[in-house]
């Protein structure tokens, strides 16, 4: 009977090792893909840096939208601070892109943030699922989605 128990434990340990190897390989593949895309982006940006024209083209109407009234500040570990940089209080009603995150950044929504105050957000990437480039938020009284860029290399 003891032999069967030991054999079962060994088989389970081998299965766990196989699963760990598969997850590590997936994470490496995702990392390599991200590095390749970043390198392509660097080359594209380097190719765009040509001589500037004397008369720059006017900005399209959507580029003239109000600046983002929120800024991310480092916190501790995976916790970051989302600071209200506007002169007025605002209410974060909803996260418009929740499927892009492994874990929802906010513990509870809606969240009221006074002018100059901040609220905690949790930014976690896992298992080859990196964080998105931005957090899209719906604010009370704002007819558009507010896009808060996330710093690269976090999560």
N, C-alpha and C. Protein backbone atom coordinates (compact mmCIF):
# COMPACT_ATOMS: atom_id res chain seq x y z
N UNK A 1 0.82 -1.19 0.00
CA UNK A 1 0.00 0.00 0.00
C UNK A 1 0.87 1.26 0.00
N UNK A 2 1.95 1.23 0.77
CA UNK A 2 2.86 2.37 0.85
C UNK A 2 3.46 2.68 -0.52
N UNK A 3 3.76 1.63 -1.29
CA UNK A 3 4.34 1.84 -2.62
C UNK A 3 3.38 2.61 -3.52
N UNK A 4 2.08 2.32 -3.42
CA UNK A 4 1.09 3.02 -4.24
C UNK A 4 1.00 4.49 -3.86
N UNK A 5 1.07 4.76 -2.59
CA UNK A 5 1.01 6.15 -2.13
C UNK A 5 2.24 6.91 -2.62
N UNK A 6 3.41 6.31 -2.47
CA UNK A 6 4.64 6.95 -2.93
C UNK A 6 4.64 7.15 -4.44
N UNK A 7 4.15 6.18 -5.18
CA UNK A 7 4.07 6.29 -6.63
C UNK A 7 3.11 7.40 -7.04
N UNK A 8 1.97 7.48 -6.36
CA UNK A 8 1.00 8.55 -6.64
C UNK A 8 1.60 9.92 -6.37
N UNK A 9 2.31 10.06 -5.27
CA UNK A 9 2.96 11.33 -4.95
C UNK A 9 4.00 11.71 -6.00
N UNK A 10 4.76 10.73 -6.47
CA UNK A 10 5.77 11.00 -7.49
C UNK A 10 5.12 11.45 -8.80
N UNK A 11 4.02 10.79 -9.18
CA UNK A 11 3.32 11.16 -10.40
C UNK A 11 2.76 12.58 -10.28
N UNK A 12 2.19 12.92 -9.12
CA UNK A 12 1.67 14.28 -8.91
C UNK A 12 2.80 15.31 -8.95
N UNK A 13 3.94 14.98 -8.37
CA UNK A 13 5.08 15.91 -8.40
C UNK A 13 5.56 16.13 -9.83
N UNK A 14 5.61 15.08 -10.64
CA UNK A 14 6.02 15.22 -12.04
C UNK A 14 5.00 16.05 -12.82
N UNK A 15 3.72 15.87 -12.54
CA UNK A 15 2.69 16.66 -13.22
C UNK A 15 2.84 18.14 -12.85
N UNK A 16 3.10 18.44 -11.58
CA UNK A 16 3.31 19.81 -11.15
C UNK A 16 4.54 20.42 -11.80
N UNK A 17 5.60 19.64 -11.91
CA UNK A 17 6.81 20.14 -12.56
C UNK A 17 6.54 20.44 -14.03
N UNK A 18 5.78 19.58 -14.69
CA UNK A 18 5.43 19.81 -16.10
C UNK A 18 4.60 21.07 -16.27
N UNK A 19 3.64 21.27 -15.39
CA UNK A 19 2.81 22.49 -15.47
C UNK A 19 3.66 23.73 -15.23
N UNK A 20 4.58 23.69 -14.28
CA UNK A 20 5.47 24.82 -14.02
C UNK A 20 6.34 25.12 -15.23
N UNK A 21 6.85 24.08 -15.86
CA UNK A 21 7.68 24.27 -17.04
C UNK A 21 6.86 24.92 -18.16
N UNK A 22 5.62 24.48 -18.35
CA UNK A 22 4.77 25.02 -19.40
C UNK A 22 4.48 26.50 -19.15
N UNK A 23 4.16 26.87 -17.90
CA UNK A 23 3.89 28.27 -17.58
C UNK A 23 5.13 29.14 -17.78
N UNK A 24 6.30 28.62 -17.40
CA UNK A 24 7.54 29.37 -17.58
C UNK A 24 7.83 29.58 -19.07
N UNK A 25 7.60 28.54 -19.88
CA UNK A 25 7.82 28.66 -21.32
C UNK A 25 6.86 29.68 -21.92
N UNK A 26 5.61 29.68 -21.47
CA UNK A 26 4.64 30.66 -21.97
C UNK A 26 5.06 32.08 -21.60
N UNK A 27 5.52 32.27 -20.38
CA UNK A 27 5.96 33.59 -19.93
C UNK A 27 7.17 34.05 -20.74
N UNK A 28 8.11 33.15 -21.01
CA UNK A 28 9.28 33.51 -21.81
C UNK A 28 8.87 33.91 -23.22
N UNK A 29 7.94 33.16 -23.81
CA UNK A 29 7.48 33.48 -25.16
C UNK A 29 6.80 34.85 -25.19
N UNK A 30 5.99 35.15 -24.19
CA UNK A 30 5.33 36.46 -24.13
C UNK A 30 6.35 37.57 -23.95
N UNK A 31 7.34 37.34 -23.09
CA UNK A 31 8.38 38.35 -22.89
C UNK A 31 9.14 38.60 -24.18
N UNK A 32 9.50 37.54 -24.90
CA UNK A 32 10.24 37.69 -26.15
C UNK A 32 9.41 38.45 -27.19
N UNK A 33 8.11 38.17 -27.22
CA UNK A 33 7.24 38.87 -28.15
C UNK A 33 7.16 40.36 -27.82
N UNK A 34 7.05 40.67 -26.53
CA UNK A 34 6.99 42.08 -26.11
C UNK A 34 8.30 42.79 -26.45
N UNK A 35 9.42 42.14 -26.22
CA UNK A 35 10.71 42.75 -26.54
C UNK A 35 10.85 42.99 -28.04
N UNK A 36 10.36 42.06 -28.86
CA UNK A 36 10.43 42.22 -30.30
C UNK A 36 9.57 43.40 -30.76
N UNK A 37 8.37 43.51 -30.20
CA UNK A 37 7.49 44.63 -30.56
C UNK A 37 8.10 45.95 -30.11
N UNK A 38 8.71 45.97 -28.92
CA UNK A 38 9.35 47.20 -28.44
C UNK A 38 10.51 47.60 -29.36
N UNK A 39 11.26 46.63 -29.83
CA UNK A 39 12.36 46.93 -30.75
C UNK A 39 11.83 47.47 -32.07
N UNK A 40 10.73 46.90 -32.57
CA UNK A 40 10.12 47.40 -33.80
C UNK A 40 9.63 48.84 -33.59
N UNK A 41 9.06 49.11 -32.42
CA UNK A 41 8.58 50.46 -32.13
C UNK A 41 9.74 51.45 -32.08
N UNK A 42 10.87 51.05 -31.47
CA UNK A 42 12.04 51.92 -31.42
C UNK A 42 12.53 52.26 -32.83
N UNK A 43 12.56 51.24 -33.71
CA UNK A 43 12.99 51.48 -35.09
C UNK A 43 12.01 52.39 -35.82
N UNK A 44 10.72 52.21 -35.57
CA UNK A 44 9.72 53.05 -36.23
C UNK A 44 9.84 54.51 -35.77
N UNK A 45 10.07 54.70 -34.47
CA UNK A 45 10.22 56.06 -33.95
C UNK A 45 11.50 56.68 -34.49
N UNK A 46 12.57 55.90 -34.58
CA UNK A 46 13.82 56.42 -35.11
C UNK A 46 13.65 56.81 -36.58
N UNK A 47 12.84 56.07 -37.32
CA UNK A 47 12.59 56.38 -38.72
C UNK A 47 11.74 57.62 -38.89
N UNK A 48 10.93 57.94 -37.90
CA UNK A 48 10.07 59.12 -37.99
C UNK A 48 10.81 60.40 -37.65
N UNK A 49 11.92 60.29 -36.95
CA UNK A 49 12.62 61.50 -36.52
C UNK A 49 13.43 62.06 -37.68
N UNK A 50 12.74 62.78 -38.54
CA UNK A 50 13.38 63.44 -39.67
C UNK A 50 13.42 64.93 -39.40
N UNK A 51 13.79 65.73 -40.40
CA UNK A 51 13.81 67.18 -40.20
C UNK A 51 12.40 67.71 -39.98
N UNK A 52 12.29 68.62 -39.03
CA UNK A 52 10.98 69.20 -38.72
C UNK A 52 10.60 70.21 -39.79
N UNK A 53 9.31 70.30 -40.10
CA UNK A 53 8.85 71.27 -41.09
C UNK A 53 8.68 72.62 -40.41
N UNK A 54 8.77 73.67 -41.20
CA UNK A 54 8.66 75.02 -40.65
C UNK A 54 7.23 75.33 -40.22
N UNK A 55 6.24 74.76 -40.92
CA UNK A 55 4.84 75.03 -40.61
C UNK A 55 4.18 73.72 -40.18
N UNK A 56 4.11 73.45 -38.86
CA UNK A 56 3.53 72.19 -38.44
C UNK A 56 2.04 72.14 -38.76
N UNK A 57 1.56 70.94 -39.03
CA UNK A 57 0.14 70.76 -39.35
C UNK A 57 -0.69 71.01 -38.10
N UNK A 58 -1.90 71.55 -38.26
CA UNK A 58 -2.75 71.79 -37.09
C UNK A 58 -3.18 70.46 -36.46
N UNK A 59 -3.40 70.51 -35.16
CA UNK A 59 -3.82 69.31 -34.45
C UNK A 59 -5.24 68.94 -34.83
N UNK A 60 -5.53 67.64 -34.96
CA UNK A 60 -6.90 67.24 -35.23
C UNK A 60 -7.78 67.57 -34.03
N UNK A 61 -9.10 67.70 -34.23
CA UNK A 61 -9.98 68.10 -33.13
C UNK A 61 -9.90 67.19 -31.91
N UNK A 62 -9.75 65.89 -32.11
CA UNK A 62 -9.70 65.00 -30.95
C UNK A 62 -8.44 65.17 -30.12
N UNK A 63 -7.39 65.74 -30.70
CA UNK A 63 -6.16 65.96 -29.94
C UNK A 63 -6.26 67.20 -29.06
N UNK A 64 -7.26 68.04 -29.30
CA UNK A 64 -7.41 69.26 -28.52
C UNK A 64 -8.26 69.05 -27.27
N UNK A 65 -8.49 67.80 -26.90
CA UNK A 65 -9.31 67.48 -25.73
C UNK A 65 -8.55 67.84 -24.45
N UNK A 66 -9.29 68.08 -23.38
CA UNK A 66 -8.68 68.44 -22.10
C UNK A 66 -7.61 67.42 -21.71
N UNK A 67 -6.57 67.87 -21.01
CA UNK A 67 -5.56 66.92 -20.55
C UNK A 67 -6.14 65.95 -19.53
N UNK A 68 -5.49 64.83 -19.37
CA UNK A 68 -5.95 63.81 -18.42
C UNK A 68 -5.84 64.37 -17.01
N UNK A 69 -6.94 64.37 -16.25
CA UNK A 69 -6.91 64.95 -14.90
C UNK A 69 -6.40 63.99 -13.84
N UNK A 70 -5.80 62.88 -14.26
CA UNK A 70 -5.31 61.87 -13.32
C UNK A 70 -3.88 61.50 -13.66
N UNK A 71 -3.09 61.21 -12.63
CA UNK A 71 -1.70 60.80 -12.84
C UNK A 71 -1.36 59.66 -11.89
N UNK A 72 -0.62 58.68 -12.38
CA UNK A 72 -0.18 57.56 -11.55
C UNK A 72 1.12 57.91 -10.86
N UNK A 73 1.21 57.54 -9.58
CA UNK A 73 2.43 57.74 -8.80
C UNK A 73 2.79 56.40 -8.17
N UNK A 74 4.09 56.11 -8.07
CA UNK A 74 4.50 54.84 -7.45
C UNK A 74 4.04 54.77 -6.00
N UNK A 75 3.66 53.57 -5.61
CA UNK A 75 3.30 53.31 -4.21
C UNK A 75 4.26 52.26 -3.67
N UNK A 76 3.70 51.25 -3.03
CA UNK A 76 4.52 50.16 -2.52
C UNK A 76 4.10 48.86 -3.19
N UNK A 77 5.08 48.14 -3.73
CA UNK A 77 4.78 46.87 -4.39
C UNK A 77 3.91 47.07 -5.61
N UNK A 78 2.78 46.37 -5.66
CA UNK A 78 1.88 46.48 -6.79
C UNK A 78 0.81 47.55 -6.59
N UNK A 79 0.86 48.25 -5.46
CA UNK A 79 -0.09 49.31 -5.18
C UNK A 79 0.47 50.64 -5.69
N UNK A 80 -0.32 51.34 -6.50
CA UNK A 80 0.04 52.63 -7.03
C UNK A 80 -0.99 53.64 -6.56
N UNK A 81 -0.66 54.93 -6.68
CA UNK A 81 -1.57 56.01 -6.28
C UNK A 81 -2.05 56.71 -7.55
N UNK A 82 -3.37 56.82 -7.71
CA UNK A 82 -3.95 57.54 -8.83
C UNK A 82 -4.39 58.90 -8.30
N UNK A 83 -3.61 59.95 -8.66
CA UNK A 83 -3.82 61.29 -8.10
C UNK A 83 -4.69 62.13 -9.03
N UNK A 84 -5.65 62.85 -8.43
CA UNK A 84 -6.50 63.81 -9.13
C UNK A 84 -5.71 65.11 -9.27
N UNK A 85 -5.31 65.44 -10.50
CA UNK A 85 -4.52 66.65 -10.74
C UNK A 85 -5.37 67.83 -11.15
N UNK A 86 -6.68 67.65 -11.19
CA UNK A 86 -7.57 68.75 -11.58
C UNK A 86 -7.91 69.60 -10.36
N UNK A 87 -8.40 70.82 -10.59
CA UNK A 87 -8.75 71.68 -9.45
C UNK A 87 -10.08 71.31 -8.81
N UNK A 88 -10.81 70.36 -9.39
CA UNK A 88 -12.12 69.96 -8.87
C UNK A 88 -12.11 68.49 -8.45
N UNK A 89 -13.03 68.14 -7.57
CA UNK A 89 -13.22 66.73 -7.20
C UNK A 89 -13.79 65.98 -8.40
N UNK A 90 -13.52 64.70 -8.47
CA UNK A 90 -14.08 63.89 -9.54
C UNK A 90 -14.49 62.53 -9.00
N UNK A 91 -15.33 61.85 -9.75
CA UNK A 91 -15.81 60.52 -9.36
C UNK A 91 -15.49 59.55 -10.48
N UNK A 92 -14.71 58.51 -10.15
CA UNK A 92 -14.41 57.46 -11.11
C UNK A 92 -15.57 56.48 -11.04
N UNK A 93 -16.37 56.41 -12.12
CA UNK A 93 -17.56 55.58 -12.12
C UNK A 93 -17.29 54.14 -12.51
N UNK A 94 -16.39 53.94 -13.50
CA UNK A 94 -16.21 52.58 -14.01
C UNK A 94 -14.86 52.46 -14.73
N UNK A 95 -14.38 51.24 -14.80
CA UNK A 95 -13.19 50.91 -15.58
C UNK A 95 -13.69 50.40 -16.93
N UNK A 96 -13.32 51.08 -18.01
CA UNK A 96 -13.84 50.74 -19.34
C UNK A 96 -13.14 49.54 -19.97
N UNK A 97 -11.96 49.17 -19.50
CA UNK A 97 -11.25 48.03 -20.08
C UNK A 97 -10.88 47.00 -19.01
N UNK A 98 -11.85 46.44 -18.28
CA UNK A 98 -11.51 45.50 -17.20
C UNK A 98 -10.91 44.19 -17.71
N UNK A 99 -11.24 43.80 -18.94
CA UNK A 99 -10.71 42.55 -19.49
C UNK A 99 -9.22 42.59 -19.77
N UNK A 100 -8.63 43.78 -19.80
CA UNK A 100 -7.19 43.92 -20.06
C UNK A 100 -6.35 43.65 -18.81
N UNK A 101 -6.98 43.53 -17.66
CA UNK A 101 -6.26 43.38 -16.40
C UNK A 101 -6.47 41.97 -15.83
N UNK A 102 -5.42 41.41 -15.23
CA UNK A 102 -5.52 40.12 -14.54
C UNK A 102 -6.38 40.29 -13.29
N UNK A 103 -6.18 41.39 -12.59
CA UNK A 103 -6.94 41.73 -11.38
C UNK A 103 -7.43 43.15 -11.54
N UNK A 104 -8.70 43.39 -11.20
CA UNK A 104 -9.25 44.75 -11.32
C UNK A 104 -8.44 45.71 -10.45
N UNK A 105 -8.05 46.86 -11.01
CA UNK A 105 -7.21 47.81 -10.26
C UNK A 105 -7.88 48.43 -9.04
N UNK A 106 -9.19 48.59 -9.08
CA UNK A 106 -9.91 49.26 -7.98
C UNK A 106 -10.61 48.23 -7.11
N UNK A 107 -10.57 48.46 -5.80
CA UNK A 107 -11.30 47.59 -4.89
C UNK A 107 -12.79 47.85 -4.96
N UNK A 108 -13.18 49.11 -5.12
CA UNK A 108 -14.60 49.46 -5.18
C UNK A 108 -14.79 50.68 -6.08
N UNK A 109 -15.79 50.60 -6.93
CA UNK A 109 -16.18 51.73 -7.76
C UNK A 109 -17.68 51.95 -7.59
N UNK A 110 -18.16 53.15 -7.63
CA UNK A 110 -17.48 54.40 -7.91
C UNK A 110 -16.58 54.85 -6.77
N UNK A 111 -15.57 55.65 -7.12
CA UNK A 111 -14.62 56.17 -6.15
C UNK A 111 -14.52 57.68 -6.31
N UNK A 112 -14.80 58.40 -5.25
CA UNK A 112 -14.69 59.86 -5.26
C UNK A 112 -13.27 60.25 -4.87
N UNK A 113 -12.68 61.17 -5.64
CA UNK A 113 -11.32 61.63 -5.38
C UNK A 113 -11.34 63.16 -5.34
N UNK A 114 -11.01 63.71 -4.19
CA UNK A 114 -10.98 65.17 -4.03
C UNK A 114 -9.83 65.76 -4.84
N UNK A 115 -9.90 67.05 -5.10
CA UNK A 115 -8.84 67.74 -5.84
C UNK A 115 -7.52 67.59 -5.10
N UNK A 116 -6.49 67.13 -5.81
CA UNK A 116 -5.17 66.95 -5.22
C UNK A 116 -5.02 65.67 -4.42
N UNK A 117 -6.11 64.95 -4.16
CA UNK A 117 -6.06 63.71 -3.38
C UNK A 117 -5.78 62.53 -4.31
N UNK A 118 -5.58 61.36 -3.74
CA UNK A 118 -5.28 60.17 -4.54
C UNK A 118 -6.04 58.97 -3.99
N UNK A 119 -6.20 57.97 -4.83
CA UNK A 119 -6.80 56.71 -4.44
C UNK A 119 -5.84 55.59 -4.83
N UNK A 120 -5.86 54.49 -4.10
CA UNK A 120 -4.98 53.37 -4.38
C UNK A 120 -5.53 52.51 -5.51
N UNK A 121 -4.63 52.06 -6.39
CA UNK A 121 -4.96 51.09 -7.44
C UNK A 121 -3.93 49.98 -7.38
N UNK A 122 -4.35 48.77 -7.74
CA UNK A 122 -3.46 47.62 -7.74
C UNK A 122 -3.19 47.24 -9.18
N UNK A 123 -1.92 47.23 -9.59
CA UNK A 123 -1.53 46.92 -10.96
C UNK A 123 -0.69 45.66 -10.96
N UNK A 124 -1.28 44.57 -11.47
CA UNK A 124 -0.63 43.27 -11.44
C UNK A 124 -0.70 42.65 -12.83
N UNK A 125 0.43 42.15 -13.31
CA UNK A 125 0.47 41.34 -14.52
C UNK A 125 0.90 39.94 -14.11
N UNK A 126 0.42 38.92 -14.80
CA UNK A 126 0.75 37.56 -14.38
C UNK A 126 0.65 36.58 -15.54
N UNK A 127 1.40 35.52 -15.44
CA UNK A 127 1.33 34.37 -16.34
C UNK A 127 1.36 34.75 -17.81
N UNK A 128 2.29 35.62 -18.15
CA UNK A 128 2.42 36.02 -19.54
C UNK A 128 1.34 36.99 -19.99
N UNK A 129 0.53 37.50 -19.07
CA UNK A 129 -0.53 38.47 -19.38
C UNK A 129 -0.08 39.81 -18.81
N UNK A 130 0.64 40.61 -19.62
CA UNK A 130 1.16 41.87 -19.10
C UNK A 130 0.06 42.91 -18.91
N UNK A 131 0.40 43.98 -18.24
CA UNK A 131 -0.54 45.08 -18.07
C UNK A 131 -0.76 45.79 -19.39
N UNK A 132 -1.94 46.37 -19.59
CA UNK A 132 -2.16 47.14 -20.82
C UNK A 132 -1.37 48.45 -20.78
N UNK A 133 -1.37 49.15 -21.88
CA UNK A 133 -0.65 50.43 -21.97
C UNK A 133 -1.36 51.54 -21.22
N UNK A 134 -2.68 51.37 -21.01
CA UNK A 134 -3.45 52.44 -20.36
C UNK A 134 -4.63 51.85 -19.59
N UNK A 135 -5.10 52.65 -18.67
CA UNK A 135 -6.30 52.33 -17.91
C UNK A 135 -7.38 53.30 -18.40
N UNK A 136 -8.46 52.76 -18.98
CA UNK A 136 -9.53 53.59 -19.51
C UNK A 136 -10.63 53.73 -18.46
N UNK A 137 -10.91 54.97 -18.07
CA UNK A 137 -11.85 55.23 -16.98
C UNK A 137 -13.03 56.07 -17.47
N UNK A 138 -14.19 55.79 -16.89
CA UNK A 138 -15.37 56.63 -17.11
C UNK A 138 -15.55 57.48 -15.86
N UNK A 139 -15.56 58.80 -16.06
CA UNK A 139 -15.70 59.74 -14.96
C UNK A 139 -17.09 60.35 -14.99
N UNK A 140 -17.63 60.64 -13.82
CA UNK A 140 -18.94 61.27 -13.72
C UNK A 140 -18.88 62.66 -14.37
N UNK A 141 -19.85 62.96 -15.24
CA UNK A 141 -19.92 64.27 -15.88
C UNK A 141 -19.01 64.44 -17.07
N UNK A 142 -18.28 63.39 -17.46
CA UNK A 142 -17.39 63.47 -18.63
C UNK A 142 -17.93 62.52 -19.69
N UNK A 143 -18.14 63.04 -20.90
CA UNK A 143 -18.78 62.25 -21.96
C UNK A 143 -17.83 61.31 -22.70
N UNK A 144 -16.57 61.37 -22.39
CA UNK A 144 -15.61 60.51 -23.08
C UNK A 144 -14.90 59.62 -22.07
N UNK A 145 -14.26 58.59 -22.58
CA UNK A 145 -13.43 57.73 -21.74
C UNK A 145 -12.11 58.43 -21.53
N UNK A 146 -11.67 58.51 -20.29
CA UNK A 146 -10.40 59.14 -19.95
C UNK A 146 -9.34 58.05 -19.90
N UNK A 147 -8.29 58.23 -20.69
CA UNK A 147 -7.23 57.22 -20.79
C UNK A 147 -6.04 57.67 -19.94
N UNK A 148 -5.71 56.85 -18.91
CA UNK A 148 -4.58 57.12 -18.03
C UNK A 148 -3.45 56.18 -18.46
N UNK A 149 -2.36 56.70 -19.03
CA UNK A 149 -1.26 55.83 -19.45
C UNK A 149 -0.60 55.16 -18.25
N UNK A 150 -0.24 53.88 -18.41
CA UNK A 150 0.47 53.15 -17.38
C UNK A 150 1.95 53.14 -17.72
N UNK A 151 2.81 53.36 -16.72
CA UNK A 151 4.25 53.31 -17.00
C UNK A 151 4.66 51.92 -17.47
N UNK A 152 5.60 51.86 -18.38
CA UNK A 152 6.07 50.55 -18.85
C UNK A 152 6.96 49.92 -17.80
N UNK A 153 7.01 48.61 -17.81
CA UNK A 153 7.87 47.87 -16.90
C UNK A 153 7.28 47.64 -15.52
N UNK A 154 5.97 47.83 -15.35
CA UNK A 154 5.36 47.54 -14.05
C UNK A 154 4.50 46.30 -14.18
N UNK A 155 4.19 45.70 -13.05
CA UNK A 155 3.31 44.54 -13.02
C UNK A 155 4.09 43.32 -12.99
